């Protein structure tokens, strides 16, 4: 969240690193995904970041990966996606 706030203030150098880390969170195993209590903050940050992103290819990649994760994730993750 802190890095996203810095990006929104104009620190463009951190943008690629932020999205790489955010995407890497979607690549983790289903057992290490955050529990439902932490999913609210995760999806709020993900939604804000994807809405503000100017790269449509990156947004498409995130949505594609979210749909893939829905096949193997818990119910809370699928509903939030």
PDB file of N, CA and C in Angstrom:
ATOM      1  N   UNK A   1       0.826  -1.189   0.000  1.00  0.00           N
ATOM      2  CA  UNK A   1       0.000   0.000   0.000  1.00  0.00           C
ATOM      3  C   UNK A   1       0.870   1.252   0.000  1.00  0.00           C
ATOM      4  N   UNK A   2       1.949   1.197   0.744  1.00  0.00           N
ATOM      5  CA  UNK A   2       2.837   2.353   0.804  1.00  0.00           C
ATOM      6  C   UNK A   2       3.461   2.626  -0.564  1.00  0.00           C
ATOM      7  N   UNK A   3       3.899   1.595  -1.236  1.00  0.00           N
ATOM      8  CA  UNK A   3       4.508   1.785  -2.558  1.00  0.00           C
ATOM      9  C   UNK A   3       3.473   2.309  -3.539  1.00  0.00           C
ATOM     10  N   UNK A   4       2.243   1.852  -3.452  1.00  0.00           N
ATOM     11  CA  UNK A   4       1.203   2.367  -4.336  1.00  0.00           C
ATOM     12  C   UNK A   4       0.955   3.855  -4.080  1.00  0.00           C
ATOM     13  N   UNK A   5       0.979   4.255  -2.830  1.00  0.00           N
ATOM     14  CA  UNK A   5       0.804   5.672  -2.517  1.00  0.00           C
ATOM     15  C   UNK A   5       1.949   6.512  -3.069  1.00  0.00           C
ATOM     16  N   UNK A   6       3.160   5.982  -3.017  1.00  0.00           N
ATOM     17  CA  UNK A   6       4.294   6.690  -3.597  1.00  0.00           C
ATOM     18  C   UNK A   6       4.170   6.810  -5.112  1.00  0.00           C
ATOM     19  N   UNK A   7       3.687   5.762  -5.751  1.00  0.00           N
ATOM     20  CA  UNK A   7       3.502   5.793  -7.206  1.00  0.00           C
ATOM     21  C   UNK A   7       2.450   6.833  -7.577  1.00  0.00           C
ATOM     22  N   UNK A   8       1.373   6.887  -6.814  1.00  0.00           N
ATOM     23  CA  UNK A   8       0.323   7.853  -7.121  1.00  0.00           C
ATOM     24  C   UNK A   8       0.779   9.296  -6.890  1.00  0.00           C
ATOM     25  N   UNK A   9       1.816   9.482  -6.073  1.00  0.00           N
ATOM     26  CA  UNK A   9       2.366  10.824  -5.845  1.00  0.00           C
ATOM     27  C   UNK A   9       3.361  11.228  -6.922  1.00  0.00           C
ATOM     28  N   UNK A  10       3.773  10.284  -7.776  1.00  0.00           N
ATOM     29  CA  UNK A  10       4.654  10.649  -8.868  1.00  0.00           C
ATOM     30  C   UNK A  10       5.988   9.928  -8.928  1.00  0.00           C
ATOM     31  N   UNK A  11       6.241   8.986  -8.047  1.00  0.00           N
ATOM     32  CA  UNK A  11       7.483   8.214  -8.094  1.00  0.00           C
ATOM     33  C   UNK A  11       7.341   7.094  -9.129  1.00  0.00           C
ATOM     34  N   UNK A  12       7.550   7.424 -10.374  1.00  0.00           N
ATOM     35  CA  UNK A  12       7.317   6.498 -11.482  1.00  0.00           C
ATOM     36  C   UNK A  12       8.358   5.386 -11.502  1.00  0.00           C
ATOM     37  N   UNK A  13       9.523   5.614 -10.936  1.00  0.00           N
ATOM     38  CA  UNK A  13      10.584   4.607 -10.948  1.00  0.00           C
ATOM     39  C   UNK A  13      10.169   3.334 -10.221  1.00  0.00           C
ATOM     40  N   UNK A  14       9.276   3.435  -9.274  1.00  0.00           N
ATOM     41  CA  UNK A  14       8.844   2.281  -8.499  1.00  0.00           C
ATOM     42  C   UNK A  14       7.693   1.519  -9.143  1.00  0.00           C
ATOM     43  N   UNK A  15       7.134   2.034 -10.224  1.00  0.00           N
ATOM     44  CA  UNK A  15       5.920   1.466 -10.792  1.00  0.00           C
ATOM     45  C   UNK A  15       6.103   0.030 -11.273  1.00  0.00           C
ATOM     46  N   UNK A  16       7.148  -0.229 -12.056  1.00  0.00           N
ATOM     47  CA  UNK A  16       7.358  -1.583 -12.566  1.00  0.00           C
ATOM     48  C   UNK A  16       7.621  -2.566 -11.444  1.00  0.00           C
ATOM     49  N   UNK A  17       8.373  -2.151 -10.444  1.00  0.00           N
ATOM     50  CA  UNK A  17       8.660  -3.031  -9.308  1.00  0.00           C
ATOM     51  C   UNK A  17       7.387  -3.339  -8.520  1.00  0.00           C
ATOM     52  N   UNK A  18       6.541  -2.340  -8.341  1.00  0.00           N
ATOM     53  CA  UNK A  18       5.284  -2.536  -7.617  1.00  0.00           C
ATOM     54  C   UNK A  18       4.400  -3.561  -8.318  1.00  0.00           C
ATOM     55  N   UNK A  19       4.228  -3.412  -9.630  1.00  0.00           N
ATOM     56  CA  UNK A  19       3.363  -4.332 -10.351  1.00  0.00           C
ATOM     57  C   UNK A  19       3.960  -5.733 -10.436  1.00  0.00           C
ATOM     58  N   UNK A  20       5.281  -5.837 -10.447  1.00  0.00           N
ATOM     59  CA  UNK A  20       5.914  -7.150 -10.445  1.00  0.00           C
ATOM     60  C   UNK A  20       5.639  -7.870  -9.132  1.00  0.00           C
ATOM     61  N   UNK A  21       5.746  -7.160  -8.023  1.00  0.00           N
ATOM     62  CA  UNK A  21       5.486  -7.760  -6.711  1.00  0.00           C
ATOM     63  C   UNK A  21       4.011  -8.113  -6.569  1.00  0.00           C
ATOM     64  N   UNK A  22       3.143  -7.253  -7.054  1.00  0.00           N
ATOM     65  CA  UNK A  22       1.710  -7.521  -6.976  1.00  0.00           C
ATOM     66  C   UNK A  22       1.342  -8.756  -7.802  1.00  0.00           C
ATOM     67  N   UNK A  23       1.932  -8.875  -8.986  1.00  0.00           N
ATOM     68  CA  UNK A  23       1.678 -10.046  -9.827  1.00  0.00           C
ATOM     69  C   UNK A  23       2.264 -11.300  -9.197  1.00  0.00           C
ATOM     70  N   UNK A  24       3.412 -11.170  -8.543  1.00  0.00           N
ATOM     71  CA  UNK A  24       4.029 -12.320  -7.900  1.00  0.00           C
ATOM     72  C   UNK A  24       3.158 -12.845  -6.757  1.00  0.00           C
ATOM     73  N   UNK A  25       2.408 -11.978  -6.110  1.00  0.00           N
ATOM     74  CA  UNK A  25       1.474 -12.431  -5.082  1.00  0.00           C
ATOM     75  C   UNK A  25       0.404 -13.341  -5.669  1.00  0.00           C
ATOM     76  N   UNK A  26       0.040 -13.104  -6.934  1.00  0.00           N
ATOM     77  CA  UNK A  26      -0.949 -13.956  -7.581  1.00  0.00           C
ATOM     78  C   UNK A  26      -0.354 -15.283  -8.040  1.00  0.00           C
ATOM     79  N   UNK A  27       0.970 -15.376  -8.096  1.00  0.00           N
ATOM     80  CA  UNK A  27       1.628 -16.602  -8.517  1.00  0.00           C
ATOM     81  C   UNK A  27       1.919 -17.549  -7.373  1.00  0.00           C
ATOM     82  N   UNK A  28       1.704 -17.120  -6.150  1.00  0.00           N
ATOM     83  CA  UNK A  28       2.009 -17.957  -4.992  1.00  0.00           C
ATOM     84  C   UNK A  28       1.058 -19.132  -4.923  1.00  0.00           C
ATOM     85  N   UNK A  29       1.429 -20.108  -4.138  1.00  0.00           N
ATOM     86  CA  UNK A  29       0.590 -21.292  -4.010  1.00  0.00           C
ATOM     87  C   UNK A  29      -0.705 -20.936  -3.283  1.00  0.00           C
ATOM     88  N   UNK A  30      -1.769 -21.696  -3.536  1.00  0.00           N
ATOM     89  CA  UNK A  30      -3.056 -21.394  -2.878  1.00  0.00           C
ATOM     90  C   UNK A  30      -2.995 -21.452  -1.359  1.00  0.00           C
ATOM     91  N   UNK A  31      -2.087 -22.251  -0.809  1.00  0.00           N
ATOM     92  CA  UNK A  31      -1.992 -22.356   0.649  1.00  0.00           C
ATOM     93  C   UNK A  31      -1.385 -21.103   1.272  1.00  0.00           C
ATOM     94  N   UNK A  32      -0.583 -20.381   0.515  1.00  0.00           N
ATOM     95  CA  UNK A  32       0.060 -19.199   1.086  1.00  0.00           C
ATOM     96  C   UNK A  32      -0.685 -17.912   0.769  1.00  0.00           C
ATOM     97  N   UNK A  33      -1.827 -18.011   0.113  1.00  0.00           N
ATOM     98  CA  UNK A  33      -2.645 -16.820  -0.115  1.00  0.00           C
ATOM     99  C   UNK A  33      -3.185 -16.321   1.211  1.00  0.00           C
ATOM    100  N   UNK A  34      -3.411 -15.031   1.314  1.00  0.00           N
ATOM    101  CA  UNK A  34      -3.913 -14.499   2.583  1.00  0.00           C
ATOM    102  C   UNK A  34      -5.305 -15.049   2.919  1.00  0.00           C
ATOM    103  N   UNK A  35      -5.582 -15.081   4.186  1.00  0.00           N
ATOM    104  CA  UNK A  35      -6.891 -15.541   4.633  1.00  0.00           C
ATOM    105  C   UNK A  35      -7.953 -14.501   4.297  1.00  0.00           C
ATOM    106  N   UNK A  36      -9.192 -14.860   4.467  1.00  0.00           N
ATOM    107  CA  UNK A  36     -10.290 -13.991   4.048  1.00  0.00           C
ATOM    108  C   UNK A  36     -10.267 -12.635   4.761  1.00  0.00           C
ATOM    109  N   UNK A  37      -9.715 -12.584   5.960  1.00  0.00           N
ATOM    110  CA  UNK A  37      -9.653 -11.299   6.657  1.00  0.00           C
ATOM    111  C   UNK A  37      -8.681 -10.336   5.979  1.00  0.00           C
ATOM    112  N   UNK A  38      -7.676 -10.857   5.295  1.00  0.00           N
ATOM    113  CA  UNK A  38      -6.697 -10.021   4.609  1.00  0.00           C
ATOM    114  C   UNK A  38      -7.041  -9.808   3.143  1.00  0.00           C
ATOM    115  N   UNK A  39      -7.975 -10.574   2.627  1.00  0.00           N
ATOM    116  CA  UNK A  39      -8.335 -10.456   1.214  1.00  0.00           C
ATOM    117  C   UNK A  39      -8.968  -9.111   0.880  1.00  0.00           C
ATOM    118  N   UNK A  40      -9.675  -8.518   1.809  1.00  0.00           N
ATOM    119  CA  UNK A  40     -10.320  -7.236   1.552  1.00  0.00           C
ATOM    120  C   UNK A  40      -9.297  -6.168   1.187  1.00  0.00           C
ATOM    121  N   UNK A  41      -8.264  -6.056   1.975  1.00  0.00           N
ATOM    122  CA  UNK A  41      -7.223  -5.078   1.691  1.00  0.00           C
ATOM    123  C   UNK A  41      -6.458  -5.394   0.419  1.00  0.00           C
ATOM    124  N   UNK A  42      -6.192  -6.675   0.193  1.00  0.00           N
ATOM    125  CA  UNK A  42      -5.472  -7.087  -1.010  1.00  0.00           C
ATOM    126  C   UNK A  42      -6.252  -6.742  -2.268  1.00  0.00           C
ATOM    127  N   UNK A  43      -7.531  -7.062  -2.295  1.00  0.00           N
ATOM    128  CA  UNK A  43      -8.325  -6.792  -3.481  1.00  0.00           C
ATOM    129  C   UNK A  43      -8.631  -5.302  -3.647  1.00  0.00           C
ATOM    130  N   UNK A  44      -8.712  -4.570  -2.558  1.00  0.00           N
ATOM    131  CA  UNK A  44      -8.883  -3.116  -2.671  1.00  0.00           C
ATOM    132  C   UNK A  44      -7.658  -2.493  -3.327  1.00  0.00           C
ATOM    133  N   UNK A  45      -6.480  -2.923  -2.896  1.00  0.00           N
ATOM    134  CA  UNK A  45      -5.247  -2.420  -3.500  1.00  0.00           C
ATOM    135  C   UNK A  45      -5.129  -2.869  -4.954  1.00  0.00           C
ATOM    136  N   UNK A  46      -5.466  -4.110  -5.238  1.00  0.00           N
ATOM    137  CA  UNK A  46      -5.394  -4.625  -6.601  1.00  0.00           C
ATOM    138  C   UNK A  46      -6.345  -3.867  -7.527  1.00  0.00           C
ATOM    139  N   UNK A  47      -7.545  -3.603  -7.052  1.00  0.00           N
ATOM    140  CA  UNK A  47      -8.519  -2.872  -7.867  1.00  0.00           C
ATOM    141  C   UNK A  47      -8.052  -1.447  -8.151  1.00  0.00           C
ATOM    142  N   UNK A  48      -7.543  -0.768  -7.117  1.00  0.00           N
ATOM    143  CA  UNK A  48      -7.051   0.600  -7.308  1.00  0.00           C
ATOM    144  C   UNK A  48      -5.876   0.631  -8.279  1.00  0.00           C
ATOM    145  N   UNK A  49      -4.975  -0.327  -8.132  1.00  0.00           N
ATOM    146  CA  UNK A  49      -3.781  -0.353  -8.982  1.00  0.00           C
ATOM    147  C   UNK A  49      -4.146  -0.644 -10.432  1.00  0.00           C
ATOM    148  N   UNK A  50      -5.046  -1.585 -10.653  1.00  0.00           N
ATOM    149  CA  UNK A  50      -5.422  -1.917 -12.027  1.00  0.00           C
ATOM    150  C   UNK A  50      -6.236  -0.799 -12.668  1.00  0.00           C
ATOM    151  N   UNK A  51      -7.053  -0.129 -11.888  1.00  0.00           N
ATOM    152  CA  UNK A  51      -7.842   0.974 -12.417  1.00  0.00           C
ATOM    153  C   UNK A  51      -6.964   2.160 -12.810  1.00  0.00           C
ATOM    154  N   UNK A  52      -5.878   2.372 -12.077  1.00  0.00           N
ATOM    155  CA  UNK A  52      -5.000   3.504 -12.349  1.00  0.00           C
ATOM    156  C   UNK A  52      -3.907   3.186 -13.369  1.00  0.00           C
ATOM    157  N   UNK A  53      -3.743   1.912 -13.707  1.00  0.00           N
ATOM    158  CA  UNK A  53      -2.656   1.523 -14.613  1.00  0.00           C
ATOM    159  C   UNK A  53      -2.965   1.947 -16.043  1.00  0.00           C
ATOM    160  N   UNK A  54      -1.958   2.490 -16.710  1.00  0.00           N
ATOM    161  CA  UNK A  54      -2.135   2.949 -18.081  1.00  0.00           C
ATOM    162  C   UNK A  54      -1.767   1.882 -19.100  1.00  0.00           C
ATOM    163  N   UNK A  55      -1.152   0.795 -18.671  1.00  0.00           N
ATOM    164  CA  UNK A  55      -0.743  -0.283 -19.567  1.00  0.00           C
ATOM    165  C   UNK A  55      -1.867  -1.317 -19.661  1.00  0.00           C
ATOM    166  N   UNK A  56      -2.532  -1.352 -20.799  1.00  0.00           N
ATOM    167  CA  UNK A  56      -3.637  -2.298 -20.957  1.00  0.00           C
ATOM    168  C   UNK A  56      -3.134  -3.740 -21.016  1.00  0.00           C
ATOM    169  N   UNK A  57      -1.940  -3.957 -21.536  1.00  0.00           N
ATOM    170  CA  UNK A  57      -1.393  -5.313 -21.570  1.00  0.00           C
ATOM    171  C   UNK A  57      -1.183  -5.858 -20.161  1.00  0.00           C
ATOM    172  N   UNK A  58      -0.721  -5.018 -19.268  1.00  0.00           N
ATOM    173  CA  UNK A  58      -0.499  -5.445 -17.889  1.00  0.00           C
ATOM    174  C   UNK A  58      -1.823  -5.732 -17.189  1.00  0.00           C
ATOM    175  N   UNK A  59      -2.827  -4.908 -17.441  1.00  0.00           N
ATOM    176  CA  UNK A  59      -4.142  -5.131 -16.836  1.00  0.00           C
ATOM    177  C   UNK A  59      -4.740  -6.444 -17.335  1.00  0.00           C
ATOM    178  N   UNK A  60      -4.601  -6.706 -18.627  1.00  0.00           N
ATOM    179  CA  UNK A  60      -5.105  -7.958 -19.192  1.00  0.00           C
ATOM    180  C   UNK A  60      -4.382  -9.152 -18.572  1.00  0.00           C
ATOM    181  N   UNK A  61      -3.074  -9.042 -18.374  1.00  0.00           N
ATOM    182  CA  UNK A  61      -2.309 -10.125 -17.758  1.00  0.00           C
ATOM    183  C   UNK A  61      -2.774 -10.382 -16.323  1.00  0.00           C
ATOM    184  N   UNK A  62      -3.063  -9.313 -15.578  1.00  0.00           N
ATOM    185  CA  UNK A  62      -3.560  -9.481 -14.213  1.00  0.00           C
ATOM    186  C   UNK A  62      -4.928 -10.155 -14.200  1.00  0.00           C
ATOM    187  N   UNK A  63      -5.819  -9.723 -15.065  1.00  0.00           N
ATOM    188  CA  UNK A  63      -7.156 -10.313 -15.103  1.00  0.00           C
ATOM    189  C   UNK A  63      -7.081 -11.780 -15.527  1.00  0.00           C
ATOM    190  N   UNK A  64      -6.224 -12.074 -16.487  1.00  0.00           N
ATOM    191  CA  UNK A  64      -6.047 -13.454 -16.939  1.00  0.00           C
ATOM    192  C   UNK A  64      -5.539 -14.327 -15.794  1.00  0.00           C
ATOM    193  N   UNK A  65      -4.574 -13.823 -15.048  1.00  0.00           N
ATOM    194  CA  UNK A  65      -4.036 -14.588 -13.927  1.00  0.00           C
ATOM    195  C   UNK A  65      -5.065 -14.743 -12.812  1.00  0.00           C
ATOM    196  N   UNK A  66      -5.867 -13.730 -12.564  1.00  0.00           N
ATOM    197  CA  UNK A  66      -6.927 -13.853 -11.557  1.00  0.00           C
ATOM    198  C   UNK A  66      -7.921 -14.946 -11.931  1.00  0.00           C
ATOM    199  N   UNK A  67      -8.278 -15.007 -13.193  1.00  0.00           N
ATOM    200  CA  UNK A  67      -9.213 -16.043 -13.629  1.00  0.00           C
ATOM    201  C   UNK A  67      -8.595 -17.426 -13.510  1.00  0.00           C
ATOM    202  N   UNK A  68      -7.300 -17.544 -13.756  1.00  0.00           N
ATOM    203  CA  UNK A  68      -6.633 -18.828 -13.565  1.00  0.00           C
ATOM    204  C   UNK A  68      -6.626 -19.224 -12.099  1.00  0.00           C
ATOM    205  N   UNK A  69      -6.388 -18.263 -11.233  1.00  0.00           N
ATOM    206  CA  UNK A  69      -6.346 -18.555  -9.797  1.00  0.00           C
ATOM    207  C   UNK A  69      -7.709 -18.973  -9.260  1.00  0.00           C
ATOM    208  N   UNK A  70      -8.768 -18.512  -9.893  1.00  0.00           N
ATOM    209  CA  UNK A  70     -10.109 -18.849  -9.428  1.00  0.00           C
ATOM    210  C   UNK A  70     -10.391 -20.349  -9.527  1.00  0.00           C
ATOM    211  N   UNK A  71      -9.700 -21.039 -10.400  1.00  0.00           N
ATOM    212  CA  UNK A  71      -9.916 -22.479 -10.542  1.00  0.00           C
ATOM    213  C   UNK A  71      -9.452 -23.252  -9.318  1.00  0.00           C
ATOM    214  N   UNK A  72      -8.450 -22.757  -8.612  1.00  0.00           N
ATOM    215  CA  UNK A  72      -7.854 -23.511  -7.516  1.00  0.00           C
ATOM    216  C   UNK A  72      -7.921 -22.803  -6.171  1.00  0.00           C
ATOM    217  N   UNK A  73      -8.516 -21.645  -6.118  1.00  0.00           N
ATOM    218  CA  UNK A  73      -8.520 -20.850  -4.886  1.00  0.00           C
ATOM    219  C   UNK A  73      -9.730 -21.183  -4.014  1.00  0.00           C
ATOM    220  N   UNK A  74      -9.694 -20.617  -2.823  1.00  0.00           N
ATOM    221  CA  UNK A  74     -10.804 -20.788  -1.891  1.00  0.00           C
ATOM    222  C   UNK A  74     -11.983 -19.925  -2.314  1.00  0.00           C
ATOM    223  N   UNK A  75     -13.123 -20.172  -1.704  1.00  0.00           N
ATOM    224  CA  UNK A  75     -14.353 -19.498  -2.103  1.00  0.00           C
ATOM    225  C   UNK A  75     -14.279 -17.977  -1.937  1.00  0.00           C
ATOM    226  N   UNK A  76     -13.652 -17.522  -0.862  1.00  0.00           N
ATOM    227  CA  UNK A  76     -13.562 -16.085  -0.612  1.00  0.00           C
ATOM    228  C   UNK A  76     -12.765 -15.394  -1.719  1.00  0.00           C
ATOM    229  N   UNK A  77     -11.701 -16.032  -2.169  1.00  0.00           N
ATOM    230  CA  UNK A  77     -10.880 -15.463  -3.228  1.00  0.00           C
ATOM    231  C   UNK A  77     -11.655 -15.409  -4.544  1.00  0.00           C
ATOM    232  N   UNK A  78     -12.410 -16.461  -4.834  1.00  0.00           N
ATOM    233  CA  UNK A  78     -13.195 -16.510  -6.080  1.00  0.00           C
ATOM    234  C   UNK A  78     -14.274 -15.438  -6.062  1.00  0.00           C
ATOM    235  N   UNK A  79     -14.955 -15.286  -4.952  1.00  0.00           N
ATOM    236  CA  UNK A  79     -15.996 -14.260  -4.862  1.00  0.00           C
ATOM    237  C   UNK A  79     -15.422 -12.860  -4.997  1.00  0.00           C
ATOM    238  N   UNK A  80     -14.282 -12.616  -4.414  1.00  0.00           N
ATOM    239  CA  UNK A  80     -13.663 -11.295  -4.507  1.00  0.00           C
ATOM    240  C   UNK A  80     -13.163 -11.027  -5.917  1.00  0.00           C
ATOM    241  N   UNK A  81     -12.722 -12.063  -6.598  1.00  0.00           N
ATOM    242  CA  UNK A  81     -12.242 -11.874  -7.977  1.00  0.00           C
ATOM    243  C   UNK A  81     -13.370 -11.524  -8.893  1.00  0.00           C
TER     244      UNK A  81
END
